[in-house]
C-alpha atoms as a PDB file:
ATOM      1  CA  MET A   1     -12.484 -78.811 -52.710  1.00  0.00           C
ATOM      2  CA  ASN A   2      -9.126 -77.333 -53.560  1.00  0.00           C
ATOM      3  CA  THR A   3      -8.684 -73.865 -55.035  1.00  0.00           C
ATOM      4  CA  ARG A   4      -8.598 -75.031 -58.659  1.00  0.00           C
ATOM      5  CA  GLU A   5     -11.844 -76.956 -58.185  1.00  0.00           C
ATOM      6  CA  ILE A   6     -13.518 -73.937 -56.610  1.00  0.00           C
ATOM      7  CA  LEU A   7     -12.496 -71.717 -59.523  1.00  0.00           C
ATOM      8  CA  SER A   8     -13.927 -74.254 -61.963  1.00  0.00           C
ATOM      9  CA  LEU A   9     -17.449 -73.937 -60.528  1.00  0.00           C
ATOM     10  CA  GLY A  10     -18.266 -70.880 -62.636  1.00  0.00           C
ATOM     11  CA  PRO A  11     -16.797 -68.357 -65.055  1.00  0.00           C
ATOM     12  CA  VAL A  12     -17.257 -65.345 -62.742  1.00  0.00           C
ATOM     13  CA  LEU A  13     -16.296 -64.923 -59.087  1.00  0.00           C
ATOM     14  CA  PRO A  14     -18.300 -61.987 -57.700  1.00  0.00           C
ATOM     15  CA  VAL A  15     -16.350 -59.593 -55.484  1.00  0.00           C
ATOM     16  CA  ILE A  16     -18.876 -58.590 -52.832  1.00  0.00           C
ATOM     17  CA  VAL A  17     -18.838 -55.616 -50.456  1.00  0.00           C
ATOM     18  CA  LEU A  18     -21.587 -55.662 -47.826  1.00  0.00           C
ATOM     19  CA  ASP A  19     -22.307 -52.998 -45.233  1.00  0.00           C
ATOM     20  CA  LYS A  20     -25.303 -54.742 -43.668  1.00  0.00           C
ATOM     21  CA  VAL A  21     -25.684 -58.342 -42.557  1.00  0.00           C
ATOM     22  CA  ALA A  22     -29.365 -58.161 -43.505  1.00  0.00           C
ATOM     23  CA  ASP A  23     -28.352 -57.952 -47.170  1.00  0.00           C
ATOM     24  CA  ALA A  24     -26.094 -61.007 -47.132  1.00  0.00           C
ATOM     25  CA  VAL A  25     -28.620 -63.832 -47.425  1.00  0.00           C
ATOM     26  CA  PRO A  26     -30.959 -62.269 -50.027  1.00  0.00           C
ATOM     27  CA  LEU A  27     -27.942 -61.278 -52.132  1.00  0.00           C
ATOM     28  CA  ALA A  28     -26.455 -64.765 -51.928  1.00  0.00           C
ATOM     29  CA  ARG A  29     -29.801 -66.334 -52.788  1.00  0.00           C
ATOM     30  CA  ALA A  30     -30.166 -64.086 -55.822  1.00  0.00           C
ATOM     31  CA  LEU A  31     -26.670 -64.928 -57.072  1.00  0.00           C
ATOM     32  CA  VAL A  32     -27.132 -68.666 -56.538  1.00  0.00           C
ATOM     33  CA  ALA A  33     -30.552 -68.554 -58.235  1.00  0.00           C
ATOM     34  CA  GLY A  34     -28.801 -66.972 -61.209  1.00  0.00           C
ATOM     35  CA  GLY A  35     -26.260 -69.792 -61.353  1.00  0.00           C
ATOM     36  CA  VAL A  36     -23.361 -68.137 -59.491  1.00  0.00           C
ATOM     37  CA  ARG A  37     -22.420 -70.351 -56.526  1.00  0.00           C
ATOM     38  CA  VAL A  38     -18.932 -69.178 -55.580  1.00  0.00           C
ATOM     39  CA  LEU A  39     -19.035 -65.892 -53.644  1.00  0.00           C
ATOM     40  CA  GLU A  40     -16.150 -63.775 -52.362  1.00  0.00           C
ATOM     41  CA  VAL A  41     -17.186 -61.552 -49.441  1.00  0.00           C
ATOM     42  CA  THR A  42     -14.447 -58.980 -48.953  1.00  0.00           C
ATOM     43  CA  LEU A  43     -13.086 -57.833 -45.600  1.00  0.00           C
ATOM     44  CA  ARG A  44     -13.715 -54.211 -46.517  1.00  0.00           C
ATOM     45  CA  THR A  45     -16.483 -53.597 -43.983  1.00  0.00           C
ATOM     46  CA  PRO A  46     -17.014 -54.483 -40.306  1.00  0.00           C
ATOM     47  CA  ALA A  47     -20.008 -56.631 -41.291  1.00  0.00           C
ATOM     48  CA  ALA A  48     -18.074 -58.947 -43.627  1.00  0.00           C
ATOM     49  CA  LEU A  49     -17.476 -61.930 -41.336  1.00  0.00           C
ATOM     50  CA  ASP A  50     -21.010 -61.881 -39.978  1.00  0.00           C
ATOM     51  CA  CYS A  51     -22.214 -61.869 -43.589  1.00  0.00           C
ATOM     52  CA  VAL A  52     -20.152 -65.000 -44.260  1.00  0.00           C
ATOM     53  CA  ARG A  53     -21.676 -66.686 -41.212  1.00  0.00           C
ATOM     54  CA  ALA A  54     -25.186 -65.810 -42.341  1.00  0.00           C
ATOM     55  CA  ILE A  55     -24.638 -67.103 -45.870  1.00  0.00           C
ATOM     56  CA  ARG A  56     -23.103 -70.343 -44.625  1.00  0.00           C
ATOM     57  CA  ALA A  57     -26.053 -70.886 -42.294  1.00  0.00           C
ATOM     58  CA  GLU A  58     -28.874 -70.049 -44.692  1.00  0.00           C
ATOM     59  CA  VAL A  59     -27.656 -70.565 -48.278  1.00  0.00           C
ATOM     60  CA  PRO A  60     -26.267 -74.117 -48.371  1.00  0.00           C
ATOM     61  CA  ASP A  61     -25.692 -74.105 -52.133  1.00  0.00           C
ATOM     62  CA  ALA A  62     -23.295 -71.149 -51.897  1.00  0.00           C
ATOM     63  CA  VAL A  63     -19.541 -71.684 -51.731  1.00  0.00           C
ATOM     64  CA  VAL A  64     -18.584 -68.613 -49.745  1.00  0.00           C
ATOM     65  CA  GLY A  65     -15.079 -67.339 -49.168  1.00  0.00           C
ATOM     66  CA  VAL A  66     -13.378 -64.333 -47.627  1.00  0.00           C
ATOM     67  CA  GLY A  67     -11.552 -61.795 -49.766  1.00  0.00           C
ATOM     68  CA  THR A  68      -9.197 -58.859 -49.153  1.00  0.00           C
ATOM     69  CA  MET A  69      -7.161 -60.933 -46.704  1.00  0.00           C
ATOM     70  CA  THR A  70      -4.092 -58.839 -45.904  1.00  0.00           C
ATOM     71  CA  ARG A  71      -3.026 -60.106 -42.453  1.00  0.00           C
ATOM     72  CA  ALA A  72      -2.156 -63.554 -41.146  1.00  0.00           C
ATOM     73  CA  GLU A  73      -4.865 -63.264 -38.483  1.00  0.00           C
ATOM     74  CA  ASP A  74      -7.490 -62.900 -41.217  1.00  0.00           C
ATOM     75  CA  PHE A  75      -7.184 -66.645 -41.812  1.00  0.00           C
ATOM     76  CA  SER A  76      -8.240 -67.666 -38.328  1.00  0.00           C
ATOM     77  CA  ALA A  77     -11.150 -65.200 -38.502  1.00  0.00           C
ATOM     78  CA  ALA A  78     -12.221 -66.577 -41.894  1.00  0.00           C
ATOM     79  CA  VAL A  79     -12.080 -70.187 -40.721  1.00  0.00           C
ATOM     80  CA  GLU A  80     -14.055 -69.331 -37.582  1.00  0.00           C
ATOM     81  CA  ALA A  81     -16.718 -67.664 -39.735  1.00  0.00           C
ATOM     82  CA  GLY A  82     -17.035 -70.806 -41.857  1.00  0.00           C
ATOM     83  CA  ALA A  83     -15.323 -69.613 -45.035  1.00  0.00           C
ATOM     84  CA  THR A  84     -14.651 -72.273 -47.661  1.00  0.00           C
ATOM     85  CA  PHE A  85     -11.697 -70.406 -49.194  1.00  0.00           C
ATOM     86  CA  GLY A  86      -9.660 -67.210 -48.905  1.00  0.00           C
ATOM     87  CA  VAL A  87      -8.461 -64.590 -51.378  1.00  0.00           C
ATOM     88  CA  SER A  88      -5.786 -61.918 -50.983  1.00  0.00           C
ATOM     89  CA  PRO A  89      -4.921 -58.888 -53.136  1.00  0.00           C
ATOM     90  CA  GLY A  90      -1.219 -59.676 -52.782  1.00  0.00           C
ATOM     91  CA  VAL A  91       1.234 -62.293 -51.590  1.00  0.00           C
ATOM     92  CA  SER A  92       3.591 -62.370 -48.607  1.00  0.00           C
ATOM     93  CA  PRO A  93       5.437 -65.045 -46.602  1.00  0.00           C
ATOM     94  CA  ALA A  94       3.151 -64.426 -43.622  1.00  0.00           C
ATOM     95  CA  LEU A  95      -0.027 -64.922 -45.674  1.00  0.00           C
ATOM     96  CA  LEU A  96       1.312 -68.067 -47.307  1.00  0.00           C
ATOM     97  CA  ALA A  97       2.343 -69.490 -43.932  1.00  0.00           C
ATOM     98  CA  ALA A  98      -1.061 -68.717 -42.424  1.00  0.00           C
ATOM     99  CA  ALA A  99      -2.844 -70.412 -45.327  1.00  0.00           C
ATOM    100  CA  ARG A 100      -0.769 -73.550 -44.834  1.00  0.00           C
ATOM    101  CA  TYR A 101      -1.322 -73.528 -41.071  1.00  0.00           C
ATOM    102  CA  HIS A 102      -5.093 -73.259 -41.377  1.00  0.00           C
ATOM    103  CA  ASP A 103      -5.290 -75.602 -44.390  1.00  0.00           C
ATOM    104  CA  LEU A 104      -7.672 -73.174 -46.107  1.00  0.00           C
ATOM    105  CA  PRO A 105      -7.912 -73.205 -49.916  1.00  0.00           C
ATOM    106  CA  PHE A 106      -6.202 -69.944 -50.813  1.00  0.00           C
ATOM    107  CA  LEU A 107      -6.067 -67.757 -53.919  1.00  0.00           C
ATOM    108  CA  PRO A 108      -3.042 -65.467 -53.480  1.00  0.00           C
ATOM    109  CA  GLY A 109      -2.948 -62.199 -55.382  1.00  0.00           C
ATOM    110  CA  VAL A 110      -0.049 -61.544 -57.756  1.00  0.00           C
ATOM    111  CA  MET A 111       0.917 -58.772 -60.141  1.00  0.00           C
ATOM    112  CA  THR A 112       4.525 -59.409 -61.149  1.00  0.00           C
ATOM    113  CA  PRO A 113       6.714 -62.370 -62.169  1.00  0.00           C
ATOM    114  CA  ALA A 114       8.399 -62.149 -58.759  1.00  0.00           C
ATOM    115  CA  ASP A 115       5.024 -62.518 -57.053  1.00  0.00           C
ATOM    116  CA  ILE A 116       4.210 -65.557 -59.186  1.00  0.00           C
ATOM    117  CA  ILE A 117       7.541 -67.210 -58.401  1.00  0.00           C
ATOM    118  CA  ALA A 118       7.008 -66.645 -54.673  1.00  0.00           C
ATOM    119  CA  ALA A 119       3.572 -68.256 -54.892  1.00  0.00           C
ATOM    120  CA  LEU A 120       4.934 -71.156 -56.950  1.00  0.00           C
ATOM    121  CA  GLU A 121       7.673 -71.771 -54.397  1.00  0.00           C
ATOM    122  CA  ALA A 122       4.949 -72.069 -51.764  1.00  0.00           C
ATOM    123  CA  GLY A 123       3.090 -74.618 -53.896  1.00  0.00           C
ATOM    124  CA  TYR A 124       0.335 -72.450 -55.387  1.00  0.00           C
ATOM    125  CA  THR A 125      -0.636 -72.804 -59.050  1.00  0.00           C
ATOM    126  CA  SER A 126      -4.010 -71.018 -58.915  1.00  0.00           C
ATOM    127  CA  LEU A 127      -3.511 -67.270 -58.534  1.00  0.00           C
ATOM    128  CA  LYS A 128      -5.464 -64.033 -58.577  1.00  0.00           C
ATOM    129  CA  PHE A 129      -4.031 -61.490 -61.034  1.00  0.00           C
ATOM    130  CA  PHE A 130      -4.729 -58.095 -59.474  1.00  0.00           C
ATOM    131  CA  PRO A 131      -5.352 -55.357 -60.422  1.00  0.00           C
ATOM    132  CA  ALA A 132      -5.799 -56.983 -63.799  1.00  0.00           C
ATOM    133  CA  LYS A 133      -6.659 -54.076 -66.072  1.00  0.00           C
ATOM    134  CA  GLN A 134      -4.180 -51.676 -64.489  1.00  0.00           C
ATOM    135  CA  ALA A 135      -1.386 -54.289 -64.459  1.00  0.00           C
ATOM    136  CA  GLY A 136      -1.495 -55.014 -68.178  1.00  0.00           C
ATOM    137  CA  GLY A 137      -4.706 -56.978 -68.614  1.00  0.00           C
ATOM    138  CA  ILE A 138      -4.979 -59.497 -71.402  1.00  0.00           C
ATOM    139  CA  GLU A 139      -1.565 -58.775 -72.887  1.00  0.00           C
ATOM    140  CA  MET A 140       0.146 -59.354 -69.545  1.00  0.00           C
ATOM    141  CA  LEU A 141      -1.681 -62.648 -69.063  1.00  0.00           C
ATOM    142  CA  LYS A 142      -0.592 -63.721 -72.541  1.00  0.00           C
ATOM    143  CA  ALA A 143       3.001 -62.907 -71.593  1.00  0.00           C
ATOM    144  CA  PHE A 144       2.702 -64.915 -68.374  1.00  0.00           C
ATOM    145  CA  GLY A 145       1.528 -67.930 -70.368  1.00  0.00           C
ATOM    146  CA  GLY A 146       5.039 -68.706 -71.632  1.00  0.00           C
ATOM    147  CA  PRO A 147       7.153 -68.894 -68.470  1.00  0.00           C
ATOM    148  CA  PHE A 148       4.238 -69.799 -66.187  1.00  0.00           C
ATOM    149  CA  ALA A 149       2.229 -72.268 -68.272  1.00  0.00           C
ATOM    150  CA  GLN A 150       1.228 -74.258 -65.177  1.00  0.00           C
ATOM    151  CA  ILE A 151      -0.613 -71.311 -63.585  1.00  0.00           C
ATOM    152  CA  ALA A 152      -4.397 -70.828 -63.719  1.00  0.00           C
ATOM    153  CA  PHE A 153      -5.303 -67.186 -63.145  1.00  0.00           C
ATOM    154  CA  CYS A 154      -8.389 -65.438 -61.860  1.00  0.00           C
ATOM    155  CA  PRO A 155      -7.891 -61.871 -63.115  1.00  0.00           C
ATOM    156  CA  THR A 156      -9.720 -59.271 -61.030  1.00  0.00           C
ATOM    157  CA  GLY A 157      -9.801 -55.491 -61.158  1.00  0.00           C
ATOM    158  CA  GLY A 158     -11.293 -53.363 -63.904  1.00  0.00           C
ATOM    159  CA  ILE A 159     -13.137 -56.294 -65.514  1.00  0.00           C
ATOM    160  CA  ASP A 160     -16.791 -55.950 -66.427  1.00  0.00           C
ATOM    161  CA  ALA A 161     -19.450 -57.859 -68.341  1.00  0.00           C
ATOM    162  CA  ALA A 162     -18.150 -56.502 -71.655  1.00  0.00           C
ATOM    163  CA  SER A 163     -14.476 -57.421 -71.154  1.00  0.00           C
ATOM    164  CA  ALA A 164     -14.960 -60.716 -69.269  1.00  0.00           C
ATOM    165  CA  PRO A 165     -15.354 -62.891 -72.421  1.00  0.00           C
ATOM    166  CA  ASP A 166     -11.990 -61.707 -73.772  1.00  0.00           C
ATOM    167  CA  TYR A 167     -10.267 -62.738 -70.539  1.00  0.00           C
ATOM    168  CA  LEU A 168     -12.094 -66.064 -70.424  1.00  0.00           C
ATOM    169  CA  ALA A 169     -10.872 -66.841 -73.936  1.00  0.00           C
ATOM    170  CA  LEU A 170      -7.276 -67.050 -72.635  1.00  0.00           C
ATOM    171  CA  PRO A 171      -6.053 -70.602 -71.958  1.00  0.00           C
ATOM    172  CA  ASN A 172      -4.466 -69.635 -68.615  1.00  0.00           C
ATOM    173  CA  VAL A 173      -7.608 -67.967 -67.199  1.00  0.00           C
ATOM    174  CA  ALA A 174      -9.825 -70.205 -65.072  1.00  0.00           C
ATOM    175  CA  CYS A 175     -12.405 -67.546 -64.249  1.00  0.00           C
ATOM    176  CA  VAL A 176     -12.634 -63.798 -63.727  1.00  0.00           C
ATOM    177  CA  GLY A 177     -13.455 -61.760 -60.641  1.00  0.00           C
ATOM    178  CA  GLY A 178     -15.665 -58.703 -60.716  1.00  0.00           C
ATOM    179  CA  SER A 179     -17.897 -56.445 -58.682  1.00  0.00           C
ATOM    180  CA  TRP A 180     -20.480 -55.862 -61.422  1.00  0.00           C
ATOM    181  CA  LEU A 181     -22.653 -58.748 -60.185  1.00  0.00           C
ATOM    182  CA  ALA A 182     -23.408 -57.009 -56.887  1.00  0.00           C
ATOM    183  CA  PRO A 183     -23.298 -53.254 -57.531  1.00  0.00           C
ATOM    184  CA  ALA A 184     -23.758 -51.093 -54.456  1.00  0.00           C
ATOM    185  CA  ARG A 185     -26.820 -49.347 -55.882  1.00  0.00           C
ATOM    186  CA  LEU A 186     -28.752 -52.566 -56.454  1.00  0.00           C
ATOM    187  CA  VAL A 187     -27.759 -53.968 -53.069  1.00  0.00           C
ATOM    188  CA  ALA A 188     -28.798 -50.753 -51.307  1.00  0.00           C
ATOM    189  CA  ASN A 189     -32.157 -50.838 -53.092  1.00  0.00           C
ATOM    190  CA  GLY A 190     -32.670 -54.529 -52.404  1.00  0.00           C
ATOM    191  CA  ASP A 191     -33.162 -55.175 -56.099  1.00  0.00           C
ATOM    192  CA  TRP A 192     -32.460 -58.890 -55.874  1.00  0.00           C
ATOM    193  CA  ALA A 193     -34.293 -59.635 -59.114  1.00  0.00           C
ATOM    194  CA  ALA A 194     -31.900 -57.399 -61.044  1.00  0.00           C
ATOM    195  CA  ILE A 195     -28.921 -59.045 -59.365  1.00  0.00           C
ATOM    196  CA  GLU A 196     -30.271 -62.474 -60.263  1.00  0.00           C
ATOM    197  CA  GLN A 197     -30.443 -61.374 -63.901  1.00  0.00           C
ATOM    198  CA  LEU A 198     -26.836 -60.157 -63.774  1.00  0.00           C
ATOM    199  CA  ALA A 199     -25.858 -63.524 -62.333  1.00  0.00           C
ATOM    200  CA  ARG A 200     -27.709 -65.387 -65.089  1.00  0.00           C
ATOM    201  CA  ALA A 201     -25.861 -63.407 -67.731  1.00  0.00           C
ATOM    202  CA  ALA A 202     -22.533 -64.054 -66.011  1.00  0.00           C
ATOM    203  CA  SER A 203     -23.113 -67.762 -65.534  1.00  0.00           C
ATOM    204  CA  ALA A 204     -24.000 -68.022 -69.233  1.00  0.00           C
ATOM    205  CA  LEU A 205     -20.444 -67.026 -70.125  1.00  0.00           C
ATOM    206  CA  ARG A 206     -18.412 -70.035 -71.065  1.00  0.00           C
ATOM    207  CA  LYS A 207     -14.780 -70.748 -70.449  1.00  0.00           C
ATOM    208  CA  GLN A 208     -13.329 -71.649 -73.830  1.00  0.00           C
ATOM    209  CA  ALA A 209     -11.173 -74.752 -73.999  1.00  0.00           C
END
């Protein structure tokens, strides 16, 4: 699958932070059971890559990627762990070159028109808008729609269950990213049933044509 196809698999891309590998598989199973197949495991903890390996090995229906990629070497680590795609909070020539070298579906992060142009020049038309709320939110995405009509965005940052439908109503938004599907408290408590319910509510959101 390419990046656009991955983003089309569901309206919400959960942004996941895991401290323990033991939590990875039950969390992924709960999300998939709730209808959320595409999972972004962020490189914010030492356990992240081992969590990706565990999910790939034991949850075959999950499409698991690596997020918070900030260095070129993160791509080789993600590929070795079995990641299906990669996500970055920003864009740089080194990240774009590494994505091309490893042939990994990549969702570069952008915040400004200059970022978008740099990504377009590298051939990317599916982009993460981050941090969405702080960078202008819905009004900024509406403004981007004119000069960058070919771009499909995944806004992430400050989005929750209440605001997600407003973002999904925009024609240039393919899906939204958010951490509300795997809150730290529920993960720490192993409340997989509650997480499955959050996933069901998220997967019930519909991207408007």
